[in-house]
C-alpha cells in the first residue's frame, strides 16, 4: 500500500518487481495512470508499455487480496494501520480457510471440525489466563 500514486511510488514499485523477477520483461500492462508511463520511461526505456483498463494486469492486481481484506474490515485510515491489522489477522484467516478444492468433502469437514475445536480450546485458555 502506498500513500501516493506518483512517479516516485511507481518507480519504487517497478524496481521491486524487477528485483523479484530478476529480468526485464518484454512488455508491461498497467492502467492509464500517467505516473506508470513516466517511471517506465526512466527505468525500462526499451520495454513495450500498454495502458489499458481491462487487460489482465498483474502490476495492478498484485495488491488486490489486501484491498479485498481491507474493504471487508470497514476500511482503514492509514496504510500502517491496515498493515498492523492484516499482519495479525491473516494467519488466523488462513488457518480457517484450508484449500477446500484440494480435499474431498469429508476430509475438509473433519479438518474444519478439528480447527474449530482447537480454536475453542485456545480461546478458553486465553480467557482464563
C-alpha atoms as a PDB file:
ATOM      1  CA  UNK A   1       0.000   0.000   0.000  1.00  0.00           C
ATOM      2  CA  UNK A   2       1.261   3.438  -0.859  1.00  0.00           C
ATOM      3  CA  UNK A   3       0.371   6.916   0.294  1.00  0.00           C
ATOM      4  CA  UNK A   4       0.849   8.388  -3.183  1.00  0.00           C
ATOM      5  CA  UNK A   5       0.483   7.152  -6.730  1.00  0.00           C
ATOM      6  CA  UNK A   6       3.101   9.454  -8.213  1.00  0.00           C
ATOM      7  CA  UNK A   7       6.201   8.855 -10.334  1.00  0.00           C
ATOM      8  CA  UNK A   8       8.393   8.155  -7.306  1.00  0.00           C
ATOM      9  CA  UNK A   9       5.992   5.499  -5.979  1.00  0.00           C
ATOM     10  CA  UNK A  10       5.697   3.942  -9.448  1.00  0.00           C
ATOM     11  CA  UNK A  11       9.499   3.770  -9.814  1.00  0.00           C
ATOM     12  CA  UNK A  12       9.763   2.108  -6.406  1.00  0.00           C
ATOM     13  CA  UNK A  13       7.057  -0.382  -7.416  1.00  0.00           C
ATOM     14  CA  UNK A  14       8.755  -1.207 -10.740  1.00  0.00           C
ATOM     15  CA  UNK A  15      12.173  -1.621  -9.068  1.00  0.00           C
ATOM     16  CA  UNK A  16      10.623  -4.044  -6.585  1.00  0.00           C
ATOM     17  CA  UNK A  17       9.025  -6.067  -9.401  1.00  0.00           C
ATOM     18  CA  UNK A  18      12.246  -6.098 -11.442  1.00  0.00           C
ATOM     19  CA  UNK A  19      14.293  -7.195  -8.436  1.00  0.00           C
ATOM     20  CA  UNK A  20      11.920 -10.054  -7.599  1.00  0.00           C
ATOM     21  CA  UNK A  21      11.688 -11.320 -11.182  1.00  0.00           C
ATOM     22  CA  UNK A  22      15.406 -10.957 -11.928  1.00  0.00           C
ATOM     23  CA  UNK A  23      14.956  -9.847 -15.551  1.00  0.00           C
ATOM     24  CA  UNK A  24      13.358  -7.068 -17.581  1.00  0.00           C
ATOM     25  CA  UNK A  25      10.083  -8.064 -19.245  1.00  0.00           C
ATOM     26  CA  UNK A  26       9.328  -7.664 -22.951  1.00  0.00           C
ATOM     27  CA  UNK A  27       6.256  -5.623 -22.115  1.00  0.00           C
ATOM     28  CA  UNK A  28       4.184  -4.370 -19.216  1.00  0.00           C
ATOM     29  CA  UNK A  29       0.491  -3.629 -18.858  1.00  0.00           C
ATOM     30  CA  UNK A  30      -0.832  -1.000 -16.447  1.00  0.00           C
ATOM     31  CA  UNK A  31      -3.889   1.137 -16.013  1.00  0.00           C
ATOM     32  CA  UNK A  32      -3.917   4.606 -17.507  1.00  0.00           C
ATOM     33  CA  UNK A  33      -2.218   6.350 -14.591  1.00  0.00           C
ATOM     34  CA  UNK A  34       0.404   8.632 -16.135  1.00  0.00           C
ATOM     35  CA  UNK A  35       2.984   8.081 -13.405  1.00  0.00           C
ATOM     36  CA  UNK A  36       3.472   4.486 -14.617  1.00  0.00           C
ATOM     37  CA  UNK A  37       4.460   5.719 -18.070  1.00  0.00           C
ATOM     38  CA  UNK A  38       6.881   8.275 -16.643  1.00  0.00           C
ATOM     39  CA  UNK A  39       8.509   5.717 -14.328  1.00  0.00           C
ATOM     40  CA  UNK A  40       8.753   3.111 -17.103  1.00  0.00           C
ATOM     41  CA  UNK A  41      10.445   5.640 -19.388  1.00  0.00           C
ATOM     42  CA  UNK A  42      13.183   6.174 -16.757  1.00  0.00           C
ATOM     43  CA  UNK A  43      13.707   2.575 -15.645  1.00  0.00           C
ATOM     44  CA  UNK A  44      12.910   0.460 -18.715  1.00  0.00           C
ATOM     45  CA  UNK A  45      13.138   2.551 -21.893  1.00  0.00           C
ATOM     46  CA  UNK A  46      13.181  -0.421 -24.290  1.00  0.00           C
ATOM     47  CA  UNK A  47      10.157  -2.209 -22.819  1.00  0.00           C
ATOM     48  CA  UNK A  48       6.752  -2.079 -24.521  1.00  0.00           C
ATOM     49  CA  UNK A  49       4.141  -0.405 -22.336  1.00  0.00           C
ATOM     50  CA  UNK A  50       0.419  -0.975 -22.848  1.00  0.00           C
ATOM     51  CA  UNK A  51      -2.015   1.088 -20.840  1.00  0.00           C
ATOM     52  CA  UNK A  52      -5.464  -0.434 -20.819  1.00  0.00           C
ATOM     53  CA  UNK A  53      -8.225  -0.712 -18.282  1.00  0.00           C
ATOM     54  CA  UNK A  54      -9.387  -4.251 -18.978  1.00  0.00           C
ATOM     55  CA  UNK A  55      -6.292  -6.297 -19.803  1.00  0.00           C
ATOM     56  CA  UNK A  56      -5.007  -8.951 -17.432  1.00  0.00           C
ATOM     57  CA  UNK A  57      -2.907  -6.615 -15.401  1.00  0.00           C
ATOM     58  CA  UNK A  58      -0.533  -8.218 -12.905  1.00  0.00           C
ATOM     59  CA  UNK A  59       1.064  -4.911 -11.920  1.00  0.00           C
ATOM     60  CA  UNK A  60      -2.263  -3.504 -10.755  1.00  0.00           C
ATOM     61  CA  UNK A  61      -3.752  -6.711  -9.369  1.00  0.00           C
ATOM     62  CA  UNK A  62      -0.771  -7.687  -7.233  1.00  0.00           C
ATOM     63  CA  UNK A  63      -2.228  -5.892  -4.205  1.00  0.00           C
ATOM     64  CA  UNK A  64      -5.842  -6.938  -4.806  1.00  0.00           C
ATOM     65  CA  UNK A  65      -6.082  -9.527  -1.976  1.00  0.00           C
ATOM     66  CA  UNK A  66      -5.012  -6.870   0.524  1.00  0.00           C
ATOM     67  CA  UNK A  67      -7.589  -4.455  -0.850  1.00  0.00           C
ATOM     68  CA  UNK A  68     -10.334  -7.091  -0.582  1.00  0.00           C
ATOM     69  CA  UNK A  69      -9.478  -7.826   3.050  1.00  0.00           C
ATOM     70  CA  UNK A  70      -9.245  -4.111   3.798  1.00  0.00           C
ATOM     71  CA  UNK A  71     -12.709  -3.486   2.308  1.00  0.00           C
ATOM     72  CA  UNK A  72     -14.196  -6.333   4.349  1.00  0.00           C
ATOM     73  CA  UNK A  73     -12.882  -4.830   7.560  1.00  0.00           C
ATOM     74  CA  UNK A  74     -14.508  -1.447   7.030  1.00  0.00           C
ATOM     75  CA  UNK A  75     -11.545   0.496   5.607  1.00  0.00           C
ATOM     76  CA  UNK A  76      -8.592   1.902   7.437  1.00  0.00           C
ATOM     77  CA  UNK A  77      -7.446   5.472   7.876  1.00  0.00           C
ATOM     78  CA  UNK A  78      -3.756   4.819   7.183  1.00  0.00           C
ATOM     79  CA  UNK A  79      -1.663   2.191   5.357  1.00  0.00           C
ATOM     80  CA  UNK A  80       0.252   1.450   8.567  1.00  0.00           C
ATOM     81  CA  UNK A  81      -2.958   0.743  10.425  1.00  0.00           C
ATOM     82  CA  UNK A  82      -4.077  -1.681   7.718  1.00  0.00           C
ATOM     83  CA  UNK A  83      -0.701  -3.415   7.721  1.00  0.00           C
ATOM     84  CA  UNK A  84      -0.715  -3.829  11.511  1.00  0.00           C
ATOM     85  CA  UNK A  85      -4.191  -5.330  11.409  1.00  0.00           C
ATOM     86  CA  UNK A  86      -3.521  -7.619   8.457  1.00  0.00           C
ATOM     87  CA  UNK A  87      -0.257  -8.926   9.896  1.00  0.00           C
ATOM     88  CA  UNK A  88      -2.219 -10.234  12.890  1.00  0.00           C
ATOM     89  CA  UNK A  89      -5.417 -11.170  11.055  1.00  0.00           C
ATOM     90  CA  UNK A  90      -4.018 -13.038   8.037  1.00  0.00           C
ATOM     91  CA  UNK A  91      -2.544 -16.075   9.879  1.00  0.00           C
ATOM     92  CA  UNK A  92      -5.858 -16.637  11.673  1.00  0.00           C
ATOM     93  CA  UNK A  93      -7.862 -16.230   8.460  1.00  0.00           C
ATOM     94  CA  UNK A  94      -5.539 -18.637   6.664  1.00  0.00           C
ATOM     95  CA  UNK A  95      -5.973 -21.219   9.398  1.00  0.00           C
ATOM     96  CA  UNK A  96      -9.748 -21.270   8.882  1.00  0.00           C
ATOM     97  CA  UNK A  97      -9.610 -21.308   5.069  1.00  0.00           C
ATOM     98  CA  UNK A  98      -7.841 -24.535   4.107  1.00  0.00           C
ATOM     99  CA  UNK A  99      -7.618 -25.257   0.405  1.00  0.00           C
ATOM    100  CA  UNK A 100     -11.068 -26.767   0.021  1.00  0.00           C
ATOM    101  CA  UNK A 101     -10.644 -27.615  -3.651  1.00  0.00           C
ATOM    102  CA  UNK A 102      -7.628 -29.815  -2.856  1.00  0.00           C
ATOM    103  CA  UNK A 103      -9.564 -32.089  -0.478  1.00  0.00           C
ATOM    104  CA  UNK A 104     -12.563 -34.343  -0.508  1.00  0.00           C
ATOM    105  CA  UNK A 105     -15.659 -33.089   1.321  1.00  0.00           C
ATOM    106  CA  UNK A 106     -15.281 -35.475   4.312  1.00  0.00           C
ATOM    107  CA  UNK A 107     -11.596 -34.526   4.709  1.00  0.00           C
ATOM    108  CA  UNK A 108     -12.466 -30.836   4.602  1.00  0.00           C
ATOM    109  CA  UNK A 109     -15.271 -31.191   7.161  1.00  0.00           C
ATOM    110  CA  UNK A 110     -13.032 -33.169   9.516  1.00  0.00           C
ATOM    111  CA  UNK A 111     -10.230 -30.635   9.199  1.00  0.00           C
ATOM    112  CA  UNK A 112     -12.621 -27.743   9.923  1.00  0.00           C
ATOM    113  CA  UNK A 113     -14.108 -29.578  12.946  1.00  0.00           C
ATOM    114  CA  UNK A 114     -10.607 -30.072  14.317  1.00  0.00           C
ATOM    115  CA  UNK A 115      -9.585 -26.450  13.707  1.00  0.00           C
ATOM    116  CA  UNK A 116     -12.745 -25.065  15.317  1.00  0.00           C
ATOM    117  CA  UNK A 117     -12.198 -27.362  18.288  1.00  0.00           C
ATOM    118  CA  UNK A 118      -8.600 -26.116  18.583  1.00  0.00           C
ATOM    119  CA  UNK A 119      -9.796 -22.516  18.380  1.00  0.00           C
ATOM    120  CA  UNK A 120     -12.423 -23.008  21.091  1.00  0.00           C
ATOM    121  CA  UNK A 121      -9.829 -24.600  23.339  1.00  0.00           C
ATOM    122  CA  UNK A 122      -7.333 -21.813  22.667  1.00  0.00           C
ATOM    123  CA  UNK A 123      -9.831 -19.018  23.350  1.00  0.00           C
ATOM    124  CA  UNK A 124     -10.978 -20.737  26.534  1.00  0.00           C
ATOM    125  CA  UNK A 125      -7.365 -20.914  27.740  1.00  0.00           C
ATOM    126  CA  UNK A 126      -6.795 -17.259  26.812  1.00  0.00           C
ATOM    127  CA  UNK A 127      -9.864 -16.156  28.780  1.00  0.00           C
ATOM    128  CA  UNK A 128      -8.636 -17.999  31.896  1.00  0.00           C
ATOM    129  CA  UNK A 129      -5.104 -16.576  31.784  1.00  0.00           C
END
